[in-house]
Structures are given as C-alpha cells and as structure tokens.
C-alpha cells in the first residue's frame, strides 16, 4: 500500500558529506511524521532525525548541527543532509513514515529498505 524508497547512500571519507533522500508512494492521504533511523550490525535501530508536517524536528544524540532533516510535504519526500561525517556514522540508514492511508482513521508506520552509509578514515 505504501512504498518508501531511499537513495543517496555510499562511501565517503571522514569529514565529507552525503545527502539521503526518501520518497513515499502509494495510497497516501497524509504523512504527519517522517523519520530517519540507522542501524549497525547487532544493534537496534536508533533515531537519527524526525520531522513533522508543521516543521518541528527532533534529532538523535549529538547529531544536531551535523545532520539536517527536511521535507517536501507535497512530494512526500524527506531528505537527510549529513555533514562532517565520522566513521561512527557508518550504518544502514532507514526512512520511516507515519502514514494515513486514504480512508483510514489511524496511521501506520512504514519502513524503507535501507541504504548503506560507510564513512572511511
């Protein structure tokens, strides 16, 4: 019913930048919140950044200032600009969207397939 497709991952050296993008498609009425999470092997997914349709943002610990989340409400997209990347930022990054389907009265979270970000020394 809803697909999230991420793009923009890859290999970058420490201090470099990457921009991740995610687009939601399907039977979407509205998306109150969109998120970026990340996960390393053996660990749970952790919040990187979140943004509401009203523009309120929330960032994971120590990420604000290096990472910036943005949304295009009309296009159902969310971006994550990552600057001054560090090796510890290496992870699979996942997009998540809290979606009201057309005709639905409750919202459902959907996940993208993930995109690998590798930061080399």
Protein backbone atom coordinates (compact mmCIF):
# COMPACT_ATOMS: atom_id res chain seq x y z
CA UNK A 1 0.00 0.00 0.00
CA UNK A 2 2.90 2.34 0.75
CA UNK A 3 6.43 2.12 -0.54
CA UNK A 4 9.39 4.06 0.76
CA UNK A 5 12.43 4.22 -1.49
CA UNK A 6 15.70 5.60 -0.18
CA UNK A 7 18.65 6.81 -2.18
CA UNK A 8 21.92 8.62 -1.69
CA UNK A 9 23.96 6.26 0.43
CA UNK A 10 27.53 5.35 -0.35
CA UNK A 11 31.14 5.59 0.71
CA UNK A 12 32.63 8.86 1.92
CA UNK A 13 35.76 9.83 3.80
CA UNK A 14 35.64 11.30 7.27
CA UNK A 15 34.73 14.97 7.15
CA UNK A 16 32.74 14.53 3.98
CA UNK A 17 29.04 14.94 3.29
CA UNK A 18 26.19 12.85 1.94
CA UNK A 19 22.54 13.56 1.31
CA UNK A 20 19.98 10.84 1.69
CA UNK A 21 16.55 11.06 0.11
CA UNK A 22 13.38 9.06 0.65
CA UNK A 23 10.15 9.16 -1.30
CA UNK A 24 6.87 7.67 -0.19
CA UNK A 25 4.31 6.49 -2.70
CA UNK A 26 1.01 4.64 -2.62
CA UNK A 27 -2.50 5.26 -1.33
CA UNK A 28 -1.42 8.13 0.89
CA UNK A 29 -3.74 10.69 2.42
CA UNK A 30 -1.18 12.44 4.58
CA UNK A 31 2.08 11.82 6.40
CA UNK A 32 2.23 13.54 9.78
CA UNK A 33 5.78 12.46 10.58
CA UNK A 34 8.81 11.27 8.65
CA UNK A 35 11.97 9.89 10.19
CA UNK A 36 15.47 8.67 9.58
CA UNK A 37 16.85 5.83 11.68
CA UNK A 38 20.15 3.98 11.48
CA UNK A 39 21.32 0.56 12.45
CA UNK A 40 24.68 -1.13 12.86
CA UNK A 41 25.19 -4.91 12.99
CA UNK A 42 23.99 -6.41 16.26
CA UNK A 43 22.30 -3.23 17.42
CA UNK A 44 18.80 -1.82 17.39
CA UNK A 45 17.73 0.92 15.07
CA UNK A 46 18.18 4.33 16.61
CA UNK A 47 16.59 7.63 15.75
CA UNK A 48 18.65 9.97 13.63
CA UNK A 49 16.09 12.67 12.92
CA UNK A 50 12.37 13.27 12.70
CA UNK A 51 10.20 15.98 11.23
CA UNK A 52 6.50 16.77 11.39
CA UNK A 53 4.44 18.44 8.70
CA UNK A 54 4.50 21.53 10.89
CA UNK A 55 8.25 21.67 10.68
CA UNK A 56 9.10 20.52 14.19
CA UNK A 57 12.30 18.48 14.28
CA UNK A 58 13.98 16.08 16.64
CA UNK A 59 17.49 14.71 16.39
CA UNK A 60 19.35 11.83 17.92
CA UNK A 61 22.03 12.48 20.49
CA UNK A 62 24.93 14.61 19.23
CA UNK A 63 23.63 14.73 15.66
CA UNK A 64 22.02 18.14 15.57
CA UNK A 65 24.45 20.53 13.99
CA UNK A 66 25.92 17.93 11.66
CA UNK A 67 22.69 16.42 10.30
CA UNK A 68 19.70 18.30 8.93
CA UNK A 69 16.33 16.81 8.08
CA UNK A 70 13.98 18.41 5.59
CA UNK A 71 10.71 17.51 3.90
CA UNK A 72 8.75 18.31 0.81
CA UNK A 73 5.20 17.76 2.01
CA UNK A 74 3.66 17.92 -1.46
CA UNK A 75 6.07 15.33 -2.87
CA UNK A 76 6.02 13.02 0.19
CA UNK A 77 9.78 13.15 0.44
CA UNK A 78 12.24 13.51 3.27
CA UNK A 79 15.92 14.28 2.98
CA UNK A 80 18.80 13.98 5.40
CA UNK A 81 21.82 16.18 4.82
CA UNK A 82 24.81 14.76 6.66
CA UNK A 83 27.91 16.89 7.07
CA UNK A 84 31.25 16.35 8.78
CA UNK A 85 30.68 12.61 8.72
CA UNK A 86 32.58 10.40 11.13
CA UNK A 87 33.45 6.71 10.92
CA UNK A 88 30.98 6.06 13.74
CA UNK A 89 28.19 7.30 11.44
CA UNK A 90 28.69 4.16 9.37
CA UNK A 91 25.37 2.30 9.36
CA UNK A 92 22.39 1.31 7.31
CA UNK A 93 20.04 4.27 7.24
CA UNK A 94 16.31 3.69 7.11
CA UNK A 95 13.49 6.02 6.25
CA UNK A 96 10.22 5.70 8.16
CA UNK A 97 6.90 7.38 7.57
CA UNK A 98 3.80 7.58 9.75
CA UNK A 99 1.08 7.41 7.13
CA UNK A 100 -2.65 7.86 6.99
CA UNK A 101 -3.88 5.85 4.04
CA UNK A 102 -6.77 7.21 2.05
CA UNK A 103 -9.92 6.44 4.01
CA UNK A 104 -8.04 5.35 7.15
CA UNK A 105 -8.74 6.66 10.63
CA UNK A 106 -5.47 5.50 12.14
CA UNK A 107 -1.90 5.94 10.99
CA UNK A 108 0.62 3.19 10.26
CA UNK A 109 4.40 3.25 10.24
CA UNK A 110 6.13 2.10 7.06
CA UNK A 111 9.85 1.48 6.56
CA UNK A 112 12.14 1.77 3.61
CA UNK A 113 14.58 -0.94 2.62
CA UNK A 114 17.61 0.92 3.94
CA UNK A 115 20.67 2.45 2.35
CA UNK A 116 24.25 1.82 3.41
CA UNK A 117 26.41 4.73 4.51
CA UNK A 118 30.09 3.97 5.03
CA UNK A 119 32.48 6.57 6.37
CA UNK A 120 36.14 5.71 5.95
CA UNK A 121 39.01 7.17 7.96
